[in-house]
Amino acid sequence: MTEPPDPLHEVLAVIRERRRAHPGRLVLGFAGPPGSGKSTVVERLAGALGPAGCVVVPMDGFHLANRLLAGTPLAARKGAVETFDAHGYLHLLERLRAADEPVVYAPAYERSIEEPVAGAIAVPAEVPVVLTEGNYLLLDEAPWGRAREQLDATWFIDTPRELRLQRLTERHIRFGKAPDAARAWALGPDEANAVLIERSRGNATHVLRWR
């Protein structure tokens, strides 16, 4: 039986074509609902492009710290669009696109402690491609629309709902939630965020169907 084609081959073809046509740095975005596979997609693309060819800079490094959310209604909605430093992310994308500093240091998100870690990702000026992924890259609301303007191309990752929910539940369990609580979070805050994100898919330049 012939194996189905890997959908990432088409993404890589687009990236390589844009590299041939674009002499400067490319900044490429990957958006989709929670559990859609954004991190897996960009990790596999980064593996194909190699460490000298790209750096991955996730939007999750701009989560607000737990100490800011504690005691507020947002603590029960961590991951919602209001729980990110959107302007900070915009300014980072502007710096990455300009590529006029020897190195730009970006934050990462450490799931084991559920906190952002400053200065965890180094992006040297000579790196030709930056891959960034996150839930809200395609939103029109300020400043997300301005952030999207910094991206040379964007992909919306389209994954079946039940598969997303399964992945999310397993992830929450892996990082400490009881099974019932994990499923409730996946169906509650995560799914509310997914509804908002799905409405922005028309802003993507490409759609990647992913399983």
Protein backbone atom coordinates (compact mmCIF):
# COMPACT_ATOMS: atom_id res chain seq x y z
CA MET A 1 0.00 0.00 0.00
CA THR A 2 1.33 3.44 -0.92
CA GLU A 3 1.82 5.77 2.03
CA PRO A 4 -0.07 9.08 1.81
CA PRO A 5 2.12 12.11 1.09
CA ASP A 6 3.45 13.99 4.09
CA PRO A 7 1.57 17.35 4.19
CA LEU A 8 4.72 19.05 5.45
CA HIS A 9 6.37 18.48 2.06
CA GLU A 10 4.06 21.14 0.62
CA VAL A 11 4.90 23.54 3.45
CA LEU A 12 8.62 23.01 2.90
CA ALA A 13 8.18 23.59 -0.83
CA VAL A 14 6.52 26.95 -0.11
CA ILE A 15 9.28 27.92 2.32
CA ARG A 16 12.04 27.01 -0.12
CA GLU A 17 10.35 28.84 -2.99
CA ARG A 18 10.00 31.96 -0.84
CA ARG A 19 13.65 31.68 0.19
CA ARG A 20 14.67 31.69 -3.46
CA ALA A 21 12.52 34.76 -4.15
CA HIS A 22 13.27 36.61 -0.90
CA PRO A 23 16.88 37.58 -0.14
CA GLY A 24 16.24 38.62 3.48
CA ARG A 25 14.96 36.80 6.53
CA LEU A 26 11.59 35.08 6.38
CA VAL A 27 9.30 35.12 9.42
CA LEU A 28 6.59 32.46 9.07
CA GLY A 29 3.59 31.89 11.32
CA PHE A 30 1.60 28.79 12.27
CA ALA A 31 -1.72 29.22 14.06
CA GLY A 32 -4.49 26.92 15.19
CA PRO A 33 -6.63 25.94 18.16
CA PRO A 34 -5.16 24.34 21.28
CA GLY A 35 -4.13 20.77 20.56
CA SER A 36 -4.02 21.20 16.79
CA GLY A 37 -0.35 20.18 16.62
CA LYS A 38 1.38 23.53 16.14
CA SER A 39 4.46 22.61 18.15
CA THR A 40 4.84 19.26 16.38
CA VAL A 41 4.52 20.90 12.96
CA VAL A 42 7.16 23.55 13.59
CA GLU A 43 9.52 21.08 15.29
CA ARG A 44 9.38 18.81 12.25
CA LEU A 45 9.87 21.73 9.88
CA ALA A 46 12.82 22.93 11.96
CA GLY A 47 14.31 19.45 11.80
CA ALA A 48 14.03 19.49 8.01
CA LEU A 49 15.51 22.99 7.65
CA GLY A 50 18.31 22.36 10.15
CA PRO A 51 19.67 24.49 13.02
CA ALA A 52 21.55 26.79 10.67
CA GLY A 53 18.44 27.26 8.55
CA CYS A 54 15.84 28.32 11.10
CA VAL A 55 14.94 29.04 14.70
CA VAL A 56 11.57 28.37 16.34
CA VAL A 57 10.13 31.19 18.47
CA PRO A 58 6.77 30.21 20.04
CA MET A 59 4.18 32.81 21.02
CA ASP A 60 3.75 30.94 24.34
CA GLY A 61 6.79 32.74 25.74
CA PHE A 62 4.45 35.72 26.14
CA HIS A 63 2.09 34.07 28.62
CA LEU A 64 1.56 36.38 31.56
CA ALA A 65 3.22 35.02 34.69
CA ASN A 66 1.08 33.10 37.17
CA ARG A 67 1.75 35.71 39.85
CA LEU A 68 -0.08 38.29 37.71
CA LEU A 69 -3.06 35.99 37.12
CA ALA A 70 -3.37 34.74 40.71
CA GLY A 71 -6.46 36.04 42.47
CA THR A 72 -8.05 37.34 39.26
CA PRO A 73 -10.77 35.82 37.03
CA LEU A 74 -8.07 35.20 34.40
CA ALA A 75 -6.47 32.51 36.59
CA ALA A 76 -9.30 30.16 35.54
CA ARG A 77 -8.84 31.15 31.89
CA LYS A 78 -5.08 30.86 31.45
CA GLY A 79 -4.40 30.54 27.73
CA ALA A 80 -7.17 32.98 26.78
CA VAL A 81 -6.12 35.83 24.54
CA GLU A 82 -6.21 38.28 27.48
CA THR A 83 -3.52 36.27 29.29
CA PHE A 84 -0.77 37.09 26.78
CA ASP A 85 1.53 40.10 26.40
CA ALA A 86 0.42 40.72 22.83
CA HIS A 87 2.34 44.00 22.43
CA GLY A 88 5.51 42.34 23.68
CA TYR A 89 5.08 39.63 21.06
CA LEU A 90 4.49 42.25 18.34
CA HIS A 91 7.69 44.09 19.26
CA LEU A 92 9.66 40.85 19.21
CA LEU A 93 8.38 40.05 15.71
CA GLU A 94 9.37 43.54 14.56
CA ARG A 95 12.91 42.95 15.86
CA LEU A 96 13.10 39.50 14.30
CA ARG A 97 11.91 40.81 10.96
CA ALA A 98 14.41 43.70 10.97
CA ALA A 99 17.31 41.28 11.69
CA ASP A 100 19.55 44.26 12.42
CA GLU A 101 20.84 43.12 15.85
CA PRO A 102 23.64 40.55 16.29
CA VAL A 103 21.34 38.35 18.39
CA VAL A 104 17.74 38.69 19.53
CA TYR A 105 16.85 36.77 22.69
CA ALA A 106 13.26 35.51 22.87
CA PRO A 107 11.33 34.01 25.77
CA ALA A 108 10.22 30.38 25.90
CA TYR A 109 7.41 28.68 27.83
CA GLU A 110 8.30 25.91 30.27
CA ARG A 111 5.31 23.57 30.63
CA SER A 112 6.76 21.76 33.64
CA ILE A 113 6.34 24.96 35.69
CA GLU A 114 3.68 26.58 33.47
CA GLU A 115 5.68 29.81 33.29
CA PRO A 116 7.51 31.83 30.63
CA VAL A 117 11.31 31.93 30.79
CA ALA A 118 12.97 35.12 29.56
CA GLY A 119 15.91 35.10 27.15
CA ALA A 120 15.72 31.34 26.54
CA ILE A 121 15.90 31.35 22.71
CA ALA A 122 18.79 32.95 20.80
CA VAL A 123 18.11 34.14 17.25
CA PRO A 124 21.37 35.23 15.53
CA ALA A 125 21.05 37.77 12.73
CA GLU A 126 22.33 35.30 10.13
CA VAL A 127 19.50 32.79 10.66
CA PRO A 128 17.43 33.03 7.44
CA VAL A 129 14.07 31.68 8.67
CA VAL A 130 12.13 32.19 11.89
CA LEU A 131 9.16 29.91 12.57
CA THR A 132 6.66 31.20 15.11
CA GLU A 133 3.57 29.38 16.32
CA GLY A 134 0.67 30.25 18.57
CA ASN A 135 -3.07 30.35 18.99
CA TYR A 136 -3.81 33.95 18.12
CA LEU A 137 -1.51 34.93 15.24
CA LEU A 138 -4.39 35.38 12.81
CA LEU A 139 -6.74 37.52 14.91
CA ASP A 140 -7.78 40.94 13.59
CA GLU A 141 -8.02 42.60 17.01
CA ALA A 142 -5.21 45.00 17.90
CA PRO A 143 -2.34 44.40 18.17
CA TRP A 144 -2.62 40.91 16.64
CA GLY A 145 -3.36 42.31 13.19
CA ARG A 146 -0.14 44.34 13.33
CA ALA A 147 1.74 41.24 14.49
CA ARG A 148 0.42 39.30 11.50
CA GLU A 149 1.76 42.03 9.19
CA GLN A 150 5.27 41.01 10.28
CA LEU A 151 4.78 37.49 8.90
CA ASP A 152 5.69 36.63 5.32
CA ALA A 153 3.27 33.70 5.22
CA THR A 154 0.90 32.02 7.65
CA TRP A 155 -0.62 28.56 7.98
CA PHE A 156 -3.81 27.63 9.83
CA ILE A 157 -3.48 24.10 11.18
CA ASP A 158 -6.77 22.27 10.67
CA THR A 159 -7.11 19.21 12.94
CA PRO A 160 -10.27 17.15 13.71
CA ARG A 161 -11.95 18.34 16.91
CA GLU A 162 -12.00 14.97 18.69
CA LEU A 163 -8.31 14.46 18.02
CA ARG A 164 -7.56 17.92 19.43
CA LEU A 165 -9.58 17.20 22.57
CA GLN A 166 -7.85 13.86 23.04
CA ARG A 167 -4.40 15.45 22.73
CA LEU A 168 -5.32 18.28 25.11
CA THR A 169 -6.70 15.93 27.74
CA GLU A 170 -3.59 13.75 27.57
CA ARG A 171 -1.35 16.82 27.79
CA HIS A 172 -3.15 18.18 30.86
CA ILE A 173 -2.90 14.78 32.55
CA ARG A 174 0.80 14.57 31.68
CA PHE A 175 1.40 17.90 33.41
CA GLY A 176 -0.47 17.07 36.58
CA LYS A 177 -4.24 17.39 36.17
CA ALA A 178 -6.56 14.57 37.21
CA PRO A 179 -8.32 12.94 34.22
CA ASP A 180 -11.73 14.52 34.94
CA ALA A 181 -10.18 17.95 35.48
CA ALA A 182 -8.09 17.56 32.31
CA ARG A 183 -11.13 16.75 30.19
CA ALA A 184 -13.10 19.61 31.78
CA TRP A 185 -10.34 22.11 30.97
CA ALA A 186 -10.10 20.83 27.39
CA LEU A 187 -13.87 21.20 26.93
CA GLY A 188 -14.04 24.49 28.82
CA PRO A 189 -11.31 27.16 28.54
CA ASP A 190 -9.47 25.40 25.70
CA GLU A 191 -12.62 24.97 23.60
CA ALA A 192 -13.72 28.57 24.21
CA ASN A 193 -10.34 29.69 22.87
CA ALA A 194 -10.70 27.30 19.91
CA VAL A 195 -13.99 28.94 18.86
CA LEU A 196 -12.30 32.36 18.72
CA ILE A 197 -9.30 30.98 16.84
CA GLU A 198 -11.42 29.14 14.26
CA ARG A 199 -13.03 32.45 13.28
CA SER A 200 -9.60 33.77 12.22
CA ARG A 201 -8.67 30.95 9.83
CA GLY A 202 -9.67 33.02 6.79
CA ASN A 203 -6.71 35.34 7.49
CA ALA A 204 -4.18 32.57 6.83
CA THR A 205 -2.34 32.47 3.52
CA HIS A 206 -2.37 28.63 3.66
CA VAL A 207 -4.28 25.85 5.41
CA LEU A 208 -2.47 22.72 6.62
CA ARG A 209 -4.69 19.70 7.25
CA TRP A 210 -3.04 17.81 10.08
CA ARG A 211 -3.64 14.61 12.05
